[in-house]
Amino acid sequence: MSSKDADVSLLEFLDLQQSNCLNESSSHTLSSIIGAKKRNEGSGYLLSDADEQLLLNIAFNQAVRVRSLVIQSSDPAKAPKTIKLVANNSSIGFEDVESADEPQVAQVLELSEEDVAQGKPIELRFVRFQKVNSLHLFVASNHGEEDESRIDKIDVLGVPVETTKDLSGLRNQEHDH
C-alpha cells in the first residue's frame, strides 16, 4: 500500500471554533459546509458576499500533513478559479494575499472547470504542507468573473502528524541516562 492510499479526510480534525471565512454571505457560511466535520452532503453552500473573493481560515486541532484539496461547486460560473494557499498564519487578511505570489504564499492553484464541477482532488506541493495547524484558502477569482463565488463541498486530504513516535524517542533518551 502506498502512502497515498493512507490519505484520509482531515475534516475530522477541524477546530471549528477557530475556523472562519472572511467575506462570506451571512446566510451561506463556511460552517454550513464544514460544520459536520466531513464532506458536505447536504444542500448548504458557502457564498461570497461583497465580491468574488473569499478567505477561508481552516484550523485543525492537531498538526496535519496536507496532500490534496477537493473544492466542488454546483455553479460553474461562480466556481473558484484562482486560489492562493497559506499555512499557519492565523492573523491573515485580504491585504496579505491579494497581490502575493509564490513564495509569499505556499502555493497558487488554477482550478479547471472540470476540477470544481467533479470535485477532483487537487494535488498540493506536499513538502510545503507538512506541519499544518491552519490552512488558509484565498479565492481570488471564479470562472465566470461573477460577483459571487460559491463552494458546495470542500475536503482536505492528508494524514495527521504522528506525535507518538517523537514521544517514544524522548522516553528512550531518558532511560539512557
N, C-alpha and C. Protein backbone atom coordinates (compact mmCIF):
# COMPACT_ATOMS: atom_id res chain seq x y z
N MET A 1 0.84 -1.19 0.00
CA MET A 1 0.00 0.00 0.00
C MET A 1 0.88 1.24 0.00
N SER A 2 0.63 2.15 -0.90
CA SER A 2 1.44 3.36 -0.96
C SER A 2 0.97 4.34 0.10
N SER A 3 1.81 5.33 0.39
CA SER A 3 1.43 6.32 1.40
C SER A 3 0.21 7.12 0.94
N LYS A 4 0.04 7.23 -0.37
CA LYS A 4 -1.10 7.98 -0.89
C LYS A 4 -2.41 7.29 -0.52
N ASP A 5 -2.41 5.96 -0.48
CA ASP A 5 -3.62 5.21 -0.12
C ASP A 5 -4.05 5.49 1.30
N ALA A 6 -3.12 5.94 2.13
CA ALA A 6 -3.43 6.16 3.54
C ALA A 6 -4.03 7.54 3.81
N ASP A 7 -4.12 8.39 2.78
CA ASP A 7 -4.69 9.72 2.98
C ASP A 7 -6.13 9.61 3.46
N VAL A 8 -6.46 10.46 4.40
CA VAL A 8 -7.82 10.49 4.95
C VAL A 8 -8.34 11.92 4.89
N SER A 9 -9.64 12.05 5.04
CA SER A 9 -10.20 13.39 5.16
C SER A 9 -9.74 13.97 6.49
N LEU A 10 -9.17 15.17 6.44
CA LEU A 10 -8.69 15.81 7.66
C LEU A 10 -9.77 16.66 8.32
N LEU A 11 -10.98 16.66 7.75
CA LEU A 11 -12.05 17.47 8.33
C LEU A 11 -12.41 17.01 9.74
N GLU A 12 -12.19 15.73 10.04
CA GLU A 12 -12.50 15.25 11.39
C GLU A 12 -11.59 15.90 12.44
N PHE A 13 -10.48 16.50 12.02
CA PHE A 13 -9.55 17.14 12.93
C PHE A 13 -9.74 18.66 12.98
N LEU A 14 -10.85 19.15 12.45
CA LEU A 14 -11.09 20.59 12.44
C LEU A 14 -11.29 21.15 13.84
N ASP A 15 -10.81 22.35 14.04
CA ASP A 15 -11.14 23.14 15.22
C ASP A 15 -12.16 24.17 14.74
N LEU A 16 -13.44 23.84 14.90
CA LEU A 16 -14.49 24.69 14.33
C LEU A 16 -14.54 26.07 14.97
N GLN A 17 -14.15 26.16 16.25
CA GLN A 17 -14.17 27.46 16.94
C GLN A 17 -13.17 28.44 16.31
N GLN A 18 -12.07 27.91 15.78
CA GLN A 18 -11.02 28.76 15.21
C GLN A 18 -11.14 28.88 13.69
N SER A 19 -12.09 28.19 13.08
CA SER A 19 -12.26 28.23 11.63
C SER A 19 -13.29 29.29 11.27
N ASN A 20 -12.99 30.07 10.23
CA ASN A 20 -13.93 31.10 9.80
C ASN A 20 -13.66 31.46 8.36
N CYS A 21 -14.49 32.35 7.83
CA CYS A 21 -14.34 32.78 6.46
C CYS A 21 -14.63 34.27 6.38
N LEU A 22 -13.73 35.01 5.74
CA LEU A 22 -13.94 36.44 5.53
C LEU A 22 -14.70 36.65 4.22
N ASN A 23 -15.62 37.60 4.22
CA ASN A 23 -16.47 37.95 3.09
C ASN A 23 -17.46 36.85 2.74
N GLU A 24 -17.92 36.11 3.76
CA GLU A 24 -18.94 35.11 3.48
C GLU A 24 -20.33 35.73 3.63
N SER A 25 -21.27 35.22 2.87
CA SER A 25 -22.66 35.64 2.99
C SER A 25 -23.18 35.21 4.35
N SER A 26 -23.99 36.04 4.99
CA SER A 26 -24.50 35.69 6.32
C SER A 26 -25.43 34.48 6.27
N SER A 27 -25.99 34.18 5.12
CA SER A 27 -26.91 33.04 5.04
C SER A 27 -26.27 31.80 4.40
N HIS A 28 -25.05 31.94 3.86
CA HIS A 28 -24.35 30.79 3.25
C HIS A 28 -22.90 30.83 3.73
N THR A 29 -22.65 30.18 4.88
CA THR A 29 -21.38 30.33 5.59
C THR A 29 -20.47 29.11 5.43
N LEU A 30 -19.21 29.30 5.81
CA LEU A 30 -18.26 28.19 5.83
C LEU A 30 -18.76 27.07 6.74
N SER A 31 -19.31 27.44 7.89
CA SER A 31 -19.75 26.39 8.83
C SER A 31 -20.87 25.53 8.24
N SER A 32 -21.60 26.05 7.25
CA SER A 32 -22.66 25.24 6.63
C SER A 32 -22.09 24.11 5.79
N ILE A 33 -20.82 24.21 5.39
CA ILE A 33 -20.24 23.12 4.59
C ILE A 33 -19.17 22.32 5.34
N ILE A 34 -18.71 22.80 6.50
CA ILE A 34 -17.71 22.01 7.25
C ILE A 34 -18.17 21.70 8.67
N GLY A 35 -19.33 22.19 9.09
CA GLY A 35 -19.78 22.04 10.47
C GLY A 35 -19.92 20.62 10.94
N ALA A 36 -20.19 19.69 10.01
CA ALA A 36 -20.33 18.28 10.40
C ALA A 36 -18.99 17.56 10.46
N LYS A 37 -17.90 18.29 10.18
CA LYS A 37 -16.54 17.72 10.18
C LYS A 37 -16.39 16.56 9.19
N LYS A 38 -17.15 16.64 8.11
CA LYS A 38 -16.99 15.70 7.00
C LYS A 38 -17.45 16.40 5.74
N ARG A 39 -17.16 15.80 4.58
CA ARG A 39 -17.53 16.45 3.32
C ARG A 39 -19.03 16.67 3.27
N ASN A 40 -19.42 17.88 2.91
CA ASN A 40 -20.82 18.27 2.89
C ASN A 40 -21.61 17.42 1.91
N GLU A 41 -22.67 16.78 2.40
CA GLU A 41 -23.57 16.03 1.53
C GLU A 41 -24.94 16.69 1.49
N GLY A 42 -25.12 17.76 2.24
CA GLY A 42 -26.41 18.44 2.31
C GLY A 42 -26.54 19.52 1.26
N SER A 43 -27.52 20.37 1.44
CA SER A 43 -27.80 21.40 0.45
C SER A 43 -27.09 22.72 0.77
N GLY A 44 -26.41 22.81 1.90
CA GLY A 44 -25.72 24.04 2.28
C GLY A 44 -24.56 24.34 1.35
N TYR A 45 -24.22 25.61 1.23
CA TYR A 45 -23.06 26.01 0.45
C TYR A 45 -22.52 27.33 0.97
N LEU A 46 -21.26 27.58 0.63
CA LEU A 46 -20.59 28.82 1.00
C LEU A 46 -20.68 29.78 -0.17
N LEU A 47 -21.06 31.03 0.11
CA LEU A 47 -21.20 32.04 -0.93
C LEU A 47 -20.50 33.31 -0.47
N SER A 48 -19.78 33.95 -1.39
CA SER A 48 -19.14 35.22 -1.03
C SER A 48 -20.18 36.33 -0.95
N ASP A 49 -19.81 37.42 -0.30
CA ASP A 49 -20.76 38.49 -0.03
C ASP A 49 -20.53 39.71 -0.93
N ALA A 50 -19.56 40.55 -0.61
CA ALA A 50 -19.40 41.85 -1.28
C ALA A 50 -18.82 41.72 -2.69
N ASP A 51 -17.98 40.73 -2.93
CA ASP A 51 -17.39 40.49 -4.25
C ASP A 51 -17.04 39.02 -4.36
N GLU A 52 -16.26 38.65 -5.36
CA GLU A 52 -15.99 37.22 -5.60
C GLU A 52 -14.96 36.64 -4.64
N GLN A 53 -14.27 37.47 -3.87
CA GLN A 53 -13.19 36.97 -3.03
C GLN A 53 -13.71 36.32 -1.74
N LEU A 54 -13.03 35.26 -1.35
CA LEU A 54 -13.29 34.58 -0.07
C LEU A 54 -11.93 34.31 0.57
N LEU A 55 -11.88 34.34 1.89
CA LEU A 55 -10.67 33.93 2.60
C LEU A 55 -11.09 32.93 3.67
N LEU A 56 -10.89 31.65 3.37
CA LEU A 56 -11.25 30.57 4.28
C LEU A 56 -10.09 30.30 5.22
N ASN A 57 -10.36 30.34 6.52
CA ASN A 57 -9.37 30.02 7.54
C ASN A 57 -9.80 28.72 8.20
N ILE A 58 -9.09 27.65 7.88
CA ILE A 58 -9.45 26.32 8.35
C ILE A 58 -8.42 25.88 9.39
N ALA A 59 -8.87 25.77 10.63
CA ALA A 59 -7.97 25.42 11.73
C ALA A 59 -8.15 23.95 12.12
N PHE A 60 -7.06 23.32 12.50
CA PHE A 60 -7.08 21.92 12.91
C PHE A 60 -6.75 21.83 14.39
N ASN A 61 -7.23 20.76 15.04
CA ASN A 61 -6.98 20.58 16.47
C ASN A 61 -5.66 19.84 16.73
N GLN A 62 -4.94 19.52 15.68
CA GLN A 62 -3.60 18.95 15.79
C GLN A 62 -2.89 19.19 14.45
N ALA A 63 -1.58 19.03 14.44
CA ALA A 63 -0.84 19.24 13.21
C ALA A 63 -1.17 18.14 12.20
N VAL A 64 -1.31 18.55 10.94
CA VAL A 64 -1.63 17.61 9.87
C VAL A 64 -0.70 17.84 8.69
N ARG A 65 -0.56 16.81 7.86
CA ARG A 65 0.16 16.92 6.59
C ARG A 65 -0.90 16.91 5.49
N VAL A 66 -0.92 17.97 4.71
CA VAL A 66 -1.96 18.10 3.68
C VAL A 66 -1.38 17.71 2.32
N ARG A 67 -2.05 16.77 1.66
CA ARG A 67 -1.58 16.29 0.36
C ARG A 67 -2.44 16.83 -0.79
N SER A 68 -3.75 16.96 -0.57
CA SER A 68 -4.61 17.44 -1.66
C SER A 68 -5.86 18.10 -1.11
N LEU A 69 -6.53 18.84 -1.98
CA LEU A 69 -7.76 19.55 -1.66
C LEU A 69 -8.85 19.12 -2.63
N VAL A 70 -10.08 19.11 -2.14
CA VAL A 70 -11.24 18.94 -3.00
C VAL A 70 -12.10 20.18 -2.84
N ILE A 71 -12.39 20.84 -3.94
CA ILE A 71 -13.28 22.00 -3.92
C ILE A 71 -14.30 21.77 -5.02
N GLN A 72 -15.57 21.76 -4.63
CA GLN A 72 -16.63 21.46 -5.59
C GLN A 72 -17.67 22.56 -5.56
N SER A 73 -18.16 22.93 -6.74
CA SER A 73 -19.20 23.94 -6.86
C SER A 73 -20.22 23.47 -7.87
N SER A 74 -21.50 23.66 -7.55
CA SER A 74 -22.57 23.26 -8.47
C SER A 74 -22.88 24.35 -9.49
N ASP A 75 -22.26 25.51 -9.34
CA ASP A 75 -22.49 26.63 -10.26
C ASP A 75 -21.18 26.95 -10.97
N PRO A 76 -21.02 26.48 -12.22
CA PRO A 76 -19.73 26.62 -12.91
C PRO A 76 -19.22 28.05 -12.99
N ALA A 77 -20.09 29.03 -13.21
CA ALA A 77 -19.64 30.42 -13.35
C ALA A 77 -19.13 30.98 -12.03
N LYS A 78 -19.68 30.51 -10.90
CA LYS A 78 -19.28 31.00 -9.59
C LYS A 78 -18.21 30.13 -8.93
N ALA A 79 -17.80 29.08 -9.63
CA ALA A 79 -16.81 28.15 -9.08
C ALA A 79 -15.45 28.82 -8.99
N PRO A 80 -14.73 28.60 -7.87
CA PRO A 80 -13.39 29.20 -7.72
C PRO A 80 -12.46 28.80 -8.86
N LYS A 81 -11.67 29.78 -9.30
CA LYS A 81 -10.68 29.53 -10.35
C LYS A 81 -9.27 29.65 -9.80
N THR A 82 -8.91 30.83 -9.29
CA THR A 82 -7.57 31.03 -8.73
C THR A 82 -7.66 31.01 -7.22
N ILE A 83 -6.87 30.13 -6.60
CA ILE A 83 -6.83 30.01 -5.14
C ILE A 83 -5.38 30.10 -4.70
N LYS A 84 -5.14 30.92 -3.69
CA LYS A 84 -3.81 31.02 -3.09
C LYS A 84 -3.87 30.37 -1.72
N LEU A 85 -2.89 29.51 -1.44
CA LEU A 85 -2.85 28.77 -0.18
C LEU A 85 -1.72 29.28 0.72
N VAL A 86 -2.05 29.42 2.00
CA VAL A 86 -1.08 29.80 3.01
C VAL A 86 -1.28 28.84 4.19
N ALA A 87 -0.21 28.47 4.85
CA ALA A 87 -0.31 27.61 6.02
C ALA A 87 0.16 28.36 7.27
N ASN A 88 -0.52 28.09 8.38
CA ASN A 88 -0.09 28.53 9.71
C ASN A 88 0.08 30.05 9.86
N ASN A 89 -0.90 30.80 9.39
CA ASN A 89 -0.88 32.25 9.57
C ASN A 89 -2.27 32.68 10.05
N SER A 90 -2.52 32.58 11.34
CA SER A 90 -3.86 32.79 11.87
C SER A 90 -4.35 34.22 11.79
N SER A 91 -3.46 35.18 11.55
CA SER A 91 -3.89 36.58 11.51
C SER A 91 -3.95 37.11 10.08
N ILE A 92 -4.07 36.24 9.12
CA ILE A 92 -4.03 36.63 7.72
C ILE A 92 -5.27 37.44 7.32
N GLY A 93 -5.07 38.40 6.43
CA GLY A 93 -6.17 39.20 5.90
C GLY A 93 -6.05 39.32 4.40
N PHE A 94 -7.07 39.89 3.77
CA PHE A 94 -7.07 40.03 2.31
C PHE A 94 -5.83 40.77 1.82
N GLU A 95 -5.42 41.81 2.57
CA GLU A 95 -4.27 42.60 2.13
C GLU A 95 -2.98 41.78 2.10
N ASP A 96 -2.93 40.68 2.86
CA ASP A 96 -1.74 39.83 2.88
C ASP A 96 -1.62 38.95 1.65
N VAL A 97 -2.75 38.66 1.02
CA VAL A 97 -2.72 37.66 -0.06
C VAL A 97 -3.15 38.17 -1.43
N GLU A 98 -3.83 39.31 -1.48
CA GLU A 98 -4.35 39.78 -2.77
C GLU A 98 -3.27 39.91 -3.84
N SER A 99 -2.17 40.56 -3.51
CA SER A 99 -1.11 40.75 -4.51
C SER A 99 0.07 39.79 -4.29
N ALA A 100 -0.02 38.92 -3.32
CA ALA A 100 1.07 37.98 -3.02
C ALA A 100 1.11 36.86 -4.05
N ASP A 101 2.31 36.35 -4.27
CA ASP A 101 2.51 35.22 -5.17
C ASP A 101 3.48 34.27 -4.48
N GLU A 102 3.77 33.14 -5.10
CA GLU A 102 4.77 32.26 -4.51
C GLU A 102 6.10 32.99 -4.52
N PRO A 103 6.96 32.92 -3.53
CA PRO A 103 6.86 32.09 -2.33
C PRO A 103 6.18 32.76 -1.13
N GLN A 104 5.63 33.98 -1.27
CA GLN A 104 4.94 34.58 -0.12
C GLN A 104 3.73 33.73 0.30
N VAL A 105 3.12 33.10 -0.67
CA VAL A 105 2.08 32.12 -0.37
C VAL A 105 2.66 30.75 -0.70
N ALA A 106 2.19 29.72 -0.03
CA ALA A 106 2.78 28.39 -0.20
C ALA A 106 2.53 27.81 -1.58
N GLN A 107 1.35 28.12 -2.15
CA GLN A 107 1.05 27.60 -3.47
C GLN A 107 -0.11 28.38 -4.08
N VAL A 108 -0.06 28.58 -5.39
CA VAL A 108 -1.16 29.18 -6.13
C VAL A 108 -1.74 28.10 -7.03
N LEU A 109 -3.05 27.91 -6.93
CA LEU A 109 -3.73 26.89 -7.74
C LEU A 109 -4.61 27.56 -8.78
N GLU A 110 -4.57 27.03 -10.00
CA GLU A 110 -5.52 27.42 -11.05
C GLU A 110 -6.41 26.21 -11.27
N LEU A 111 -7.65 26.31 -10.82
CA LEU A 111 -8.57 25.18 -10.92
C LEU A 111 -9.28 25.20 -12.27
N SER A 112 -9.41 24.02 -12.87
CA SER A 112 -10.16 23.93 -14.11
C SER A 112 -11.65 23.81 -13.77
N GLU A 113 -12.49 24.11 -14.76
CA GLU A 113 -13.93 23.96 -14.54
C GLU A 113 -14.26 22.51 -14.21
N GLU A 114 -13.53 21.58 -14.82
CA GLU A 114 -13.75 20.16 -14.56
C GLU A 114 -13.39 19.79 -13.12
N ASP A 115 -12.26 20.35 -12.62
CA ASP A 115 -11.84 20.09 -11.24
C ASP A 115 -12.97 20.41 -10.25
N VAL A 116 -13.57 21.61 -10.40
CA VAL A 116 -14.56 22.05 -9.43
C VAL A 116 -15.94 21.48 -9.70
N ALA A 117 -16.23 21.14 -10.94
CA ALA A 117 -17.54 20.54 -11.24
C ALA A 117 -17.61 19.12 -10.68
N GLN A 118 -16.50 18.39 -10.81
CA GLN A 118 -16.47 16.98 -10.38
C GLN A 118 -15.89 16.79 -8.98
N GLY A 119 -15.33 17.84 -8.40
CA GLY A 119 -14.73 17.69 -7.08
C GLY A 119 -13.51 16.79 -7.10
N LYS A 120 -12.66 16.96 -8.11
CA LYS A 120 -11.45 16.13 -8.22
C LYS A 120 -10.43 16.59 -7.19
N PRO A 121 -9.72 15.65 -6.56
CA PRO A 121 -8.64 16.05 -5.64
C PRO A 121 -7.53 16.79 -6.40
N ILE A 122 -7.12 17.92 -5.85
CA ILE A 122 -6.09 18.75 -6.45
C ILE A 122 -4.82 18.56 -5.62
N GLU A 123 -3.81 17.99 -6.25
CA GLU A 123 -2.56 17.69 -5.54
C GLU A 123 -1.86 18.99 -5.14
N LEU A 124 -1.35 19.01 -3.91
CA LEU A 124 -0.58 20.16 -3.43
C LEU A 124 0.90 19.80 -3.43
N ARG A 125 1.75 20.82 -3.29
CA ARG A 125 3.18 20.57 -3.09
C ARG A 125 3.35 20.09 -1.66
N PHE A 126 3.36 18.80 -1.50
CA PHE A 126 3.30 18.16 -0.19
C PHE A 126 4.37 18.69 0.76
N VAL A 127 5.56 18.99 0.25
CA VAL A 127 6.65 19.45 1.12
C VAL A 127 6.33 20.77 1.80
N ARG A 128 5.42 21.55 1.24
CA ARG A 128 5.08 22.85 1.82
C ARG A 128 3.95 22.77 2.84
N PHE A 129 3.38 21.58 3.02
CA PHE A 129 2.23 21.44 3.91
C PHE A 129 2.45 20.26 4.87
N GLN A 130 3.60 20.28 5.55
CA GLN A 130 4.00 19.16 6.41
C GLN A 130 3.47 19.23 7.83
N LYS A 131 3.48 20.39 8.45
CA LYS A 131 3.01 20.53 9.84
C LYS A 131 2.03 21.67 9.87
N VAL A 132 0.83 21.40 9.38
CA VAL A 132 -0.17 22.43 9.21
C VAL A 132 -1.12 22.44 10.41
N ASN A 133 -1.17 23.58 11.09
CA ASN A 133 -2.15 23.77 12.16
C ASN A 133 -3.35 24.56 11.65
N SER A 134 -3.12 25.37 10.63
CA SER A 134 -4.22 26.09 9.99
C SER A 134 -3.90 26.27 8.51
N LEU A 135 -4.92 26.13 7.70
CA LEU A 135 -4.79 26.26 6.25
C LEU A 135 -5.69 27.40 5.81
N HIS A 136 -5.15 28.28 5.00
CA HIS A 136 -5.88 29.48 4.58
C HIS A 136 -6.00 29.46 3.06
N LEU A 137 -7.24 29.50 2.57
CA LEU A 137 -7.51 29.46 1.14
C LEU A 137 -8.09 30.81 0.72
N PHE A 138 -7.37 31.50 -0.14
CA PHE A 138 -7.85 32.77 -0.67
C PHE A 138 -8.40 32.52 -2.07
N VAL A 139 -9.71 32.67 -2.22
CA VAL A 139 -10.33 32.57 -3.54
C VAL A 139 -10.20 33.94 -4.19
N ALA A 140 -9.34 34.04 -5.20
CA ALA A 140 -9.06 35.33 -5.84
C ALA A 140 -10.01 35.61 -6.99
N SER A 141 -10.48 34.55 -7.66
CA SER A 141 -11.36 34.74 -8.81
C SER A 141 -12.20 33.50 -9.02
N ASN A 142 -13.22 33.65 -9.88
CA ASN A 142 -14.05 32.50 -10.25
C ASN A 142 -14.10 32.40 -11.77
N HIS A 143 -14.69 31.31 -12.27
CA HIS A 143 -14.63 31.02 -13.70
C HIS A 143 -15.45 31.97 -14.55
N GLY A 144 -16.55 32.50 -14.03
CA GLY A 144 -17.40 33.35 -14.84
C GLY A 144 -17.21 34.83 -14.61
N GLU A 145 -16.16 35.19 -13.84
CA GLU A 145 -15.94 36.58 -13.43
C GLU A 145 -17.21 37.17 -12.80
N GLU A 146 -17.89 36.32 -12.01
CA GLU A 146 -19.12 36.70 -11.33
C GLU A 146 -18.80 37.51 -10.07
N ASP A 147 -19.81 38.19 -9.53
CA ASP A 147 -19.64 38.96 -8.29
C ASP A 147 -19.63 38.06 -7.06
N GLU A 148 -20.10 36.83 -7.21
CA GLU A 148 -20.13 35.89 -6.09
C GLU A 148 -19.36 34.63 -6.46
N SER A 149 -18.68 34.06 -5.46
CA SER A 149 -18.06 32.75 -5.60
C SER A 149 -18.81 31.77 -4.72
N ARG A 150 -18.93 30.54 -5.19
CA ARG A 150 -19.71 29.53 -4.48
C ARG A 150 -18.91 28.25 -4.34
N ILE A 151 -18.90 27.69 -3.12
CA ILE A 151 -18.29 26.40 -2.85
C ILE A 151 -19.35 25.54 -2.16
N ASP A 152 -19.66 24.39 -2.76
CA ASP A 152 -20.65 23.48 -2.16
C ASP A 152 -19.98 22.45 -1.25
N LYS A 153 -18.81 22.00 -1.65
CA LYS A 153 -18.12 20.97 -0.87
C LYS A 153 -16.64 21.30 -0.84
N ILE A 154 -16.05 21.03 0.31
CA ILE A 154 -14.60 21.18 0.43
C ILE A 154 -14.10 20.01 1.27
N ASP A 155 -12.94 19.51 0.91
CA ASP A 155 -12.32 18.47 1.72
C ASP A 155 -10.82 18.69 1.68
N VAL A 156 -10.17 18.33 2.76
CA VAL A 156 -8.72 18.45 2.89
C VAL A 156 -8.22 17.03 3.14
N LEU A 157 -7.36 16.55 2.25
CA LEU A 157 -6.90 15.16 2.35
C LEU A 157 -5.43 15.12 2.72
N GLY A 158 -5.08 14.16 3.57
CA GLY A 158 -3.71 14.00 4.01
C GLY A 158 -3.67 13.07 5.20
N VAL A 159 -2.74 13.31 6.10
CA VAL A 159 -2.58 12.47 7.28
C VAL A 159 -2.27 13.34 8.50
N PRO A 160 -2.74 12.91 9.68
CA PRO A 160 -2.33 13.63 10.89
C PRO A 160 -0.83 13.41 11.12
N VAL A 161 -0.16 14.39 11.68
CA VAL A 161 1.25 14.23 12.01
C VAL A 161 1.33 13.28 13.21
N GLU A 162 2.17 12.28 13.09
CA GLU A 162 2.29 11.30 14.18
C GLU A 162 3.17 11.89 15.28
N THR A 163 2.58 12.17 16.42
CA THR A 163 3.37 12.72 17.52
C THR A 163 3.85 11.63 18.47
N THR A 164 3.20 10.47 18.43
CA THR A 164 3.59 9.41 19.37
C THR A 164 5.01 8.91 19.10
N LYS A 165 5.43 8.89 17.85
CA LYS A 165 6.78 8.43 17.53
C LYS A 165 7.82 9.35 18.17
N ASP A 166 7.56 10.66 18.11
CA ASP A 166 8.50 11.61 18.70
C ASP A 166 8.61 11.40 20.21
N LEU A 167 7.48 11.13 20.86
CA LEU A 167 7.48 10.95 22.30
C LEU A 167 8.22 9.69 22.71
N SER A 168 8.09 8.62 21.92
CA SER A 168 8.78 7.39 22.29
C SER A 168 10.29 7.60 22.24
N GLY A 169 10.75 8.42 21.31
CA GLY A 169 12.17 8.73 21.24
C GLY A 169 12.64 9.46 22.47
N LEU A 170 11.82 10.35 23.00
CA LEU A 170 12.17 11.08 24.22
C LEU A 170 12.29 10.13 25.40
N ARG A 171 11.36 9.18 25.48
CA ARG A 171 11.39 8.22 26.60
C ARG A 171 12.66 7.39 26.56
N ASN A 172 13.06 6.97 25.35
CA ASN A 172 14.29 6.18 25.21
C ASN A 172 15.51 6.96 25.66
N GLN A 173 15.56 8.26 25.37
CA GLN A 173 16.69 9.09 25.79
C GLN A 173 16.76 9.16 27.30
N GLU A 174 15.60 9.24 27.97
CA GLU A 174 15.60 9.33 29.42
C GLU A 174 16.16 8.07 30.05
N HIS A 175 15.89 6.91 29.48
CA HIS A 175 16.37 5.65 30.04
C HIS A 175 17.87 5.46 29.83
N ASP A 176 18.43 6.17 28.87
CA ASP A 176 19.87 6.04 28.59
C ASP A 176 20.71 6.75 29.64
N HIS A 177 20.13 7.69 30.38
CA HIS A 177 20.92 8.47 31.34
C HIS A 177 21.14 7.79 32.63
